[in-house]
PDB file of N, CA and C in Angstrom:
ATOM      1  N   THR A   1       8.020  77.396  53.053  1.00  0.00           N
ATOM      2  CA  THR A   1       8.985  75.868  53.262  1.00  0.00           C
ATOM      3  C   THR A   1       9.494  76.171  54.843  1.00  0.00           C
ATOM      4  N   ILE A   2       9.706  77.212  55.257  1.00  0.00           N
ATOM      5  CA  ILE A   2       9.895  77.554  56.979  1.00  0.00           C
ATOM      6  C   ILE A   2       8.460  76.991  57.722  1.00  0.00           C
ATOM      7  N   ASP A   3       7.652  77.328  57.076  1.00  0.00           N
ATOM      8  CA  ASP A   3       6.488  76.994  58.096  1.00  0.00           C
ATOM      9  C   ASP A   3       6.158  75.419  57.832  1.00  0.00           C
ATOM     10  N   SER A   4       6.581  74.761  56.811  1.00  0.00           N
ATOM     11  CA  SER A   4       6.247  73.336  56.921  1.00  0.00           C
ATOM     12  C   SER A   4       7.604  72.884  57.726  1.00  0.00           C
ATOM     13  N   ILE A   5       8.539  73.126  58.126  1.00  0.00           N
ATOM     14  CA  ILE A   5       9.859  72.840  58.686  1.00  0.00           C
ATOM     15  C   ILE A   5       9.313  72.895  60.282  1.00  0.00           C
ATOM     16  N   ALA A   6       8.875  74.027  60.661  1.00  0.00           N
ATOM     17  CA  ALA A   6       8.367  74.550  61.816  1.00  0.00           C
ATOM     18  C   ALA A   6       7.036  74.133  62.219  1.00  0.00           C
ATOM     19  N   PHE A   7       6.334  73.526  61.602  1.00  0.00           N
ATOM     20  CA  PHE A   7       4.743  73.583  61.894  1.00  0.00           C
ATOM     21  C   PHE A   7       4.239  72.424  61.693  1.00  0.00           C
ATOM     22  N   MET A   8       4.580  71.840  60.487  1.00  0.00           N
ATOM     23  CA  MET A   8       4.149  70.456  60.430  1.00  0.00           C
ATOM     24  C   MET A   8       4.810  69.083  61.093  1.00  0.00           C
ATOM     25  N   LYS A   9       4.268  68.179  61.211  1.00  0.00           N
ATOM     26  CA  LYS A   9       4.630  66.653  61.266  1.00  0.00           C
ATOM     27  C   LYS A   9       5.499  66.453  60.193  1.00  0.00           C
ATOM     28  N   MET A  10       6.448  65.608  60.471  1.00  0.00           N
ATOM     29  CA  MET A  10       7.021  64.776  59.519  1.00  0.00           C
ATOM     30  C   MET A  10       6.107  63.965  58.236  1.00  0.00           C
ATOM     31  N   ASP A  11       5.548  63.630  59.088  1.00  0.00           N
ATOM     32  CA  ASP A  11       4.375  62.540  58.141  1.00  0.00           C
ATOM     33  C   ASP A  11       3.400  63.199  57.239  1.00  0.00           C
ATOM     34  N   ASP A  12       3.129  64.384  57.731  1.00  0.00           N
ATOM     35  CA  ASP A  12       2.581  65.542  56.773  1.00  0.00           C
ATOM     36  C   ASP A  12       3.187  66.244  55.730  1.00  0.00           C
ATOM     37  N   ARG A  13       4.763  66.573  56.434  1.00  0.00           N
ATOM     38  CA  ARG A  13       5.475  66.846  55.513  1.00  0.00           C
ATOM     39  C   ARG A  13       5.781  65.917  54.363  1.00  0.00           C
ATOM     40  N   LEU A  14       5.803  64.699  54.621  1.00  0.00           N
ATOM     41  CA  LEU A  14       6.217  63.683  53.661  1.00  0.00           C
ATOM     42  C   LEU A  14       5.185  63.673  52.553  1.00  0.00           C
ATOM     43  N   VAL A  15       3.890  63.610  52.866  1.00  0.00           N
ATOM     44  CA  VAL A  15       2.888  63.530  51.768  1.00  0.00           C
ATOM     45  C   VAL A  15       2.741  64.535  51.244  1.00  0.00           C
ATOM     46  N   ARG A  16       3.191  65.592  51.760  1.00  0.00           N
ATOM     47  CA  ARG A  16       3.008  67.070  50.869  1.00  0.00           C
ATOM     48  C   ARG A  16       4.457  66.866  49.932  1.00  0.00           C
ATOM     49  N   PHE A  17       5.448  66.516  50.256  1.00  0.00           N
ATOM     50  CA  PHE A  17       6.390  66.308  49.277  1.00  0.00           C
ATOM     51  C   PHE A  17       6.165  65.362  48.257  1.00  0.00           C
ATOM     52  N   PHE A  18       5.039  64.226  48.015  1.00  0.00           N
ATOM     53  CA  PHE A  18       4.783  63.731  47.195  1.00  0.00           C
ATOM     54  C   PHE A  18       3.647  64.320  46.452  1.00  0.00           C
ATOM     55  N   LYS A  19       2.648  65.118  47.067  1.00  0.00           N
ATOM     56  CA  LYS A  19       1.841  65.730  46.138  1.00  0.00           C
ATOM     57  C   LYS A  19       2.483  66.650  45.508  1.00  0.00           C
ATOM     58  N   ASP A  20       3.315  67.574  46.049  1.00  0.00           N
ATOM     59  CA  ASP A  20       4.281  68.498  45.296  1.00  0.00           C
ATOM     60  C   ASP A  20       4.792  67.948  44.148  1.00  0.00           C
ATOM     61  N   ARG A  21       5.284  67.146  44.432  1.00  0.00           N
ATOM     62  CA  ARG A  21       6.038  66.367  43.404  1.00  0.00           C
ATOM     63  C   ARG A  21       5.022  66.142  42.230  1.00  0.00           C
ATOM     64  N   TYR A  22       4.160  65.655  42.467  1.00  0.00           N
ATOM     65  CA  TYR A  22       2.923  65.310  41.450  1.00  0.00           C
ATOM     66  C   TYR A  22       2.235  66.601  40.757  1.00  0.00           C
ATOM     67  N   LYS A  23       2.358  67.749  41.483  1.00  0.00           N
ATOM     68  CA  LYS A  23       1.942  68.866  41.099  1.00  0.00           C
ATOM     69  C   LYS A  23       3.099  69.296  39.905  1.00  0.00           C
ATOM     70  N   THR A  24       4.377  69.158  40.323  1.00  0.00           N
ATOM     71  CA  THR A  24       5.340  69.530  39.718  1.00  0.00           C
ATOM     72  C   THR A  24       5.884  68.630  38.240  1.00  0.00           C
ATOM     73  N   THR A  25       5.681  67.667  38.490  1.00  0.00           N
ATOM     74  CA  THR A  25       6.364  66.325  37.589  1.00  0.00           C
ATOM     75  C   THR A  25       5.134  65.874  36.745  1.00  0.00           C
ATOM     76  N   GLY A  26       4.110  65.739  37.579  1.00  0.00           N
ATOM     77  CA  GLY A  26       3.004  64.976  36.868  1.00  0.00           C
ATOM     78  C   GLY A  26       3.178  63.200  37.068  1.00  0.00           C
ATOM     79  N   MET A  27       4.151  62.799  37.864  1.00  0.00           N
ATOM     80  CA  MET A  27       4.691  61.491  37.974  1.00  0.00           C
ATOM     81  C   MET A  27       4.062  61.234  39.567  1.00  0.00           C
ATOM     82  N   LYS A  28       3.568  59.868  39.622  1.00  0.00           N
ATOM     83  CA  LYS A  28       3.288  59.355  40.561  1.00  0.00           C
ATOM     84  C   LYS A  28       3.941  58.415  41.319  1.00  0.00           C
ATOM     85  N   VAL A  29       5.522  58.353  40.567  1.00  0.00           N
ATOM     86  CA  VAL A  29       6.648  57.085  41.052  1.00  0.00           C
ATOM     87  C   VAL A  29       7.540  57.946  41.527  1.00  0.00           C
ATOM     88  N   TYR A  30       8.257  57.656  42.356  1.00  0.00           N
ATOM     89  CA  TYR A  30       9.568  58.229  42.792  1.00  0.00           C
ATOM     90  C   TYR A  30      10.897  57.389  42.797  1.00  0.00           C
ATOM     91  N   ASN A  31      11.355  57.588  41.631  1.00  0.00           N
ATOM     92  CA  ASN A  31      12.929  56.568  41.497  1.00  0.00           C
ATOM     93  C   ASN A  31      13.960  57.697  42.378  1.00  0.00           C
ATOM     94  N   GLY A  32      14.391  56.678  43.548  1.00  0.00           N
ATOM     95  CA  GLY A  32      14.960  57.311  44.607  1.00  0.00           C
ATOM     96  C   GLY A  32      15.325  56.681  45.185  1.00  0.00           C
ATOM     97  N   SER A  33      16.462  56.605  46.522  1.00  0.00           N
ATOM     98  CA  SER A  33      16.392  56.190  47.595  1.00  0.00           C
ATOM     99  C   SER A  33      15.360  56.965  49.047  1.00  0.00           C
ATOM    100  N   HIS A  34      15.641  56.339  50.304  1.00  0.00           N
ATOM    101  CA  HIS A  34      15.183  57.090  51.135  1.00  0.00           C
ATOM    102  C   HIS A  34      15.500  58.237  51.840  1.00  0.00           C
ATOM    103  N   GLN A  35      17.070  58.182  51.259  1.00  0.00           N
ATOM    104  CA  GLN A  35      18.338  58.830  51.682  1.00  0.00           C
ATOM    105  C   GLN A  35      17.722  60.442  50.871  1.00  0.00           C
ATOM    106  N   ASP A  36      17.609  60.316  49.665  1.00  0.00           N
ATOM    107  CA  ASP A  36      17.267  60.915  48.878  1.00  0.00           C
ATOM    108  C   ASP A  36      16.230  61.966  49.091  1.00  0.00           C
ATOM    109  N   ILE A  37      15.145  61.422  49.777  1.00  0.00           N
ATOM    110  CA  ILE A  37      14.083  61.955  50.058  1.00  0.00           C
ATOM    111  C   ILE A  37      14.267  62.769  51.670  1.00  0.00           C
ATOM    112  N   ALA A  38      15.368  62.098  52.496  1.00  0.00           N
ATOM    113  CA  ALA A  38      15.736  62.582  53.780  1.00  0.00           C
ATOM    114  C   ALA A  38      16.144  63.939  53.614  1.00  0.00           C
ATOM    115  N   LEU A  39      17.136  64.167  52.352  1.00  0.00           N
ATOM    116  CA  LEU A  39      17.961  65.251  52.292  1.00  0.00           C
ATOM    117  C   LEU A  39      16.847  66.406  51.683  1.00  0.00           C
ATOM    118  N   SER A  40      16.179  66.221  51.174  1.00  0.00           N
ATOM    119  CA  SER A  40      15.280  67.116  50.710  1.00  0.00           C
ATOM    120  C   SER A  40      14.033  67.413  51.968  1.00  0.00           C
ATOM    121  N   LEU A  41      13.741  66.895  52.389  1.00  0.00           N
ATOM    122  CA  LEU A  41      13.195  67.056  53.886  1.00  0.00           C
ATOM    123  C   LEU A  41      13.856  67.598  55.422  1.00  0.00           C
ATOM    124  N   ASN A  42      14.967  67.664  54.658  1.00  0.00           N
ATOM    125  CA  ASN A  42      16.341  68.036  56.144  1.00  0.00           C
ATOM    126  C   ASN A  42      15.844  66.727  57.455  1.00  0.00           C
ATOM    127  N   THR A  43      16.041  65.751  56.956  1.00  0.00           N
ATOM    128  CA  THR A  43      15.713  64.883  58.394  1.00  0.00           C
ATOM    129  C   THR A  43      16.865  63.790  57.796  1.00  0.00           C
ATOM    130  N   SER A  44      16.341  62.599  58.539  1.00  0.00           N
ATOM    131  CA  SER A  44      17.258  61.363  58.851  1.00  0.00           C
ATOM    132  C   SER A  44      16.527  60.228  57.718  1.00  0.00           C
ATOM    133  N   ARG A  45      17.561  59.358  57.486  1.00  0.00           N
ATOM    134  CA  ARG A  45      17.303  58.555  56.405  1.00  0.00           C
ATOM    135  C   ARG A  45      16.113  57.678  57.276  1.00  0.00           C
ATOM    136  N   GLU A  46      16.672  57.393  58.793  1.00  0.00           N
ATOM    137  CA  GLU A  46      15.857  56.080  59.478  1.00  0.00           C
ATOM    138  C   GLU A  46      14.356  56.906  59.616  1.00  0.00           C
ATOM    139  N   VAL A  47      14.329  58.167  59.870  1.00  0.00           N
ATOM    140  CA  VAL A  47      12.941  58.943  60.048  1.00  0.00           C
ATOM    141  C   VAL A  47      11.689  58.399  58.449  1.00  0.00           C
ATOM    142  N   ILE A  48      12.765  58.998  57.641  1.00  0.00           N
ATOM    143  CA  ILE A  48      11.769  58.786  56.515  1.00  0.00           C
ATOM    144  C   ILE A  48      11.415  57.119  56.185  1.00  0.00           C
ATOM    145  N   SER A  49      12.596  56.398  56.241  1.00  0.00           N
ATOM    146  CA  SER A  49      12.213  54.822  56.142  1.00  0.00           C
ATOM    147  C   SER A  49      11.201  54.271  57.134  1.00  0.00           C
ATOM    148  N   ARG A  50      11.184  54.869  58.337  1.00  0.00           N
ATOM    149  CA  ARG A  50      10.111  54.359  59.515  1.00  0.00           C
ATOM    150  C   ARG A  50       8.610  55.049  58.888  1.00  0.00           C
ATOM    151  N   LEU A  51       8.718  56.062  58.516  1.00  0.00           N
ATOM    152  CA  LEU A  51       7.301  56.816  57.946  1.00  0.00           C
ATOM    153  C   LEU A  51       6.589  55.857  56.813  1.00  0.00           C
ATOM    154  N   LEU A  52       7.730  56.109  55.633  1.00  0.00           N
ATOM    155  CA  LEU A  52       7.455  55.241  54.633  1.00  0.00           C
ATOM    156  C   LEU A  52       6.743  53.625  54.866  1.00  0.00           C
ATOM    157  N   LYS A  53       7.277  53.043  55.766  1.00  0.00           N
ATOM    158  CA  LYS A  53       6.929  51.500  56.449  1.00  0.00           C
ATOM    159  C   LYS A  53       5.446  51.553  56.956  1.00  0.00           C
ATOM    160  N   GLN A  54       5.025  52.500  57.717  1.00  0.00           N
ATOM    161  CA  GLN A  54       4.252  53.212  58.479  1.00  0.00           C
ATOM    162  C   GLN A  54       2.987  53.476  57.001  1.00  0.00           C
ATOM    163  N   MET A  55       3.154  54.406  56.026  1.00  0.00           N
ATOM    164  CA  MET A  55       2.777  54.613  54.965  1.00  0.00           C
ATOM    165  C   MET A  55       2.247  53.175  54.291  1.00  0.00           C
ATOM    166  N   GLU A  56       3.016  52.651  53.980  1.00  0.00           N
ATOM    167  CA  GLU A  56       2.906  51.264  53.355  1.00  0.00           C
ATOM    168  C   GLU A  56       1.972  50.127  53.960  1.00  0.00           C
ATOM    169  N   ARG A  57       1.994  50.053  55.360  1.00  0.00           N
ATOM    170  CA  ARG A  57       1.056  49.319  55.921  1.00  0.00           C
ATOM    171  C   ARG A  57      -0.298  49.988  55.810  1.00  0.00           C
ATOM    172  N   LYS A  58      -0.405  51.229  55.790  1.00  0.00           N
ATOM    173  CA  LYS A  58      -1.765  51.785  55.285  1.00  0.00           C
ATOM    174  C   LYS A  58      -2.210  52.066  53.908  1.00  0.00           C
ATOM    175  N   LYS A  59      -1.385  51.298  53.212  1.00  0.00           N
ATOM    176  CA  LYS A  59      -1.747  51.307  51.499  1.00  0.00           C
ATOM    177  C   LYS A  59      -1.631  52.546  51.127  1.00  0.00           C
ATOM    178  N   MET A  60      -0.961  53.331  51.576  1.00  0.00           N
ATOM    179  CA  MET A  60      -0.555  54.798  50.993  1.00  0.00           C
ATOM    180  C   MET A  60       0.471  54.887  49.776  1.00  0.00           C
ATOM    181  N   VAL A  61       1.534  54.094  50.039  1.00  0.00           N
ATOM    182  CA  VAL A  61       2.439  53.814  49.063  1.00  0.00           C
ATOM    183  C   VAL A  61       3.004  52.408  49.173  1.00  0.00           C
ATOM    184  N   LYS A  62       3.712  52.077  47.925  1.00  0.00           N
ATOM    185  CA  LYS A  62       3.677  50.836  47.406  1.00  0.00           C
ATOM    186  C   LYS A  62       5.320  50.993  47.473  1.00  0.00           C
ATOM    187  N   LEU A  63       6.235  50.378  48.217  1.00  0.00           N
ATOM    188  CA  LEU A  63       7.789  50.363  48.317  1.00  0.00           C
ATOM    189  C   LEU A  63       8.631  49.093  47.650  1.00  0.00           C
ATOM    190  N   SER A  64       9.596  49.453  46.750  1.00  0.00           N
ATOM    191  CA  SER A  64      10.208  48.751  46.256  1.00  0.00           C
ATOM    192  C   SER A  64      11.696  49.194  46.383  1.00  0.00           C
ATOM    193  N   ARG A  65      12.745  48.376  45.870  1.00  0.00           N
ATOM    194  CA  ARG A  65      14.235  48.895  45.861  1.00  0.00           C
ATOM    195  C   ARG A  65      14.486  50.277  44.777  1.00  0.00           C
ATOM    196  N   ASN A  66      14.552  51.332  45.410  1.00  0.00           N
ATOM    197  CA  ASN A  66      14.878  52.550  44.877  1.00  0.00           C
ATOM    198  C   ASN A  66      13.539  53.151  44.050  1.00  0.00           C
ATOM    199  N   ARG A  67      12.554  52.455  44.321  1.00  0.00           N
ATOM    200  CA  ARG A  67      11.469  53.245  43.557  1.00  0.00           C
ATOM    201  C   ARG A  67      10.346  53.168  44.579  1.00  0.00           C
ATOM    202  N   LEU A  68       9.638  54.049  44.513  1.00  0.00           N
ATOM    203  CA  LEU A  68       8.527  54.602  45.218  1.00  0.00           C
ATOM    204  C   LEU A  68       6.901  54.820  44.775  1.00  0.00           C
ATOM    205  N   ASP A  69       6.056  54.111  44.575  1.00  0.00           N
ATOM    206  CA  ASP A  69       4.886  54.578  44.309  1.00  0.00           C
ATOM    207  C   ASP A  69       3.753  54.939  44.953  1.00  0.00           C
ATOM    208  N   TYR A  70       3.748  56.120  44.595  1.00  0.00           N
ATOM    209  CA  TYR A  70       2.837  56.618  45.889  1.00  0.00           C
ATOM    210  C   TYR A  70       1.514  57.513  44.849  1.00  0.00           C
ATOM    211  N   SER A  71       0.917  56.558  44.111  1.00  0.00           N
ATOM    212  CA  SER A  71      -0.178  56.818  43.306  1.00  0.00           C
ATOM    213  C   SER A  71      -1.284  56.287  44.080  1.00  0.00           C
ATOM    214  N   PRO A  72      -1.118  55.431  45.370  1.00  0.00           N
ATOM    215  CA  PRO A  72      -2.397  55.478  46.218  1.00  0.00           C
ATOM    216  C   PRO A  72      -3.185  56.652  46.888  1.00  0.00           C
ATOM    217  N   LEU A  73      -2.237  57.479  46.957  1.00  0.00           N
ATOM    218  CA  LEU A  73      -2.124  58.881  47.516  1.00  0.00           C
ATOM    219  C   LEU A  73      -3.495  59.581  46.744  1.00  0.00           C
ATOM    220  N   PHE A  74      -3.789  59.011  45.245  1.00  0.00           N
ATOM    221  CA  PHE A  74      -4.485  60.152  44.658  1.00  0.00           C
ATOM    222  C   PHE A  74      -5.781  59.205  44.242  1.00  0.00           C
ATOM    223  N   ASP A  75      -5.698  58.136  44.605  1.00  0.00           N
ATOM    224  CA  ASP A  75      -6.880  57.185  44.127  1.00  0.00           C
ATOM    225  C   ASP A  75      -7.801  57.611  44.652  1.00  0.00           C
ATOM    226  N   GLY A  76      -9.128  57.602  43.958  1.00  0.00           N
ATOM    227  CA  GLY A  76     -10.345  58.026  44.521  1.00  0.00           C
ATOM    228  C   GLY A  76     -10.468  59.579  44.672  1.00  0.00           C
ATOM    229  N   ASN A  77      -9.193  60.793  44.154  1.00  0.00           N
ATOM    230  CA  ASN A  77      -9.341  61.704  44.107  1.00  0.00           C
ATOM    231  C   ASN A  77      -9.887  62.154  43.007  1.00  0.00           C
TER     232      ASN A  77
END
């Protein structure tokens, strides 16, 4: 955890957050707010919102209100 905070870029940490969540829960959908993710990653909601919007443009996630589908991260793998 300390290594990821110190050495990984926030966008990489966000992808890792979803992949770790999938490994532990088997779910490819996150039901919660951007603020919840920000608290988990020790950053601001604004940073998470901006990164998620970028990921949505790259078709890595599908955003909706209090629901985030990150299954595209696993498509083809």
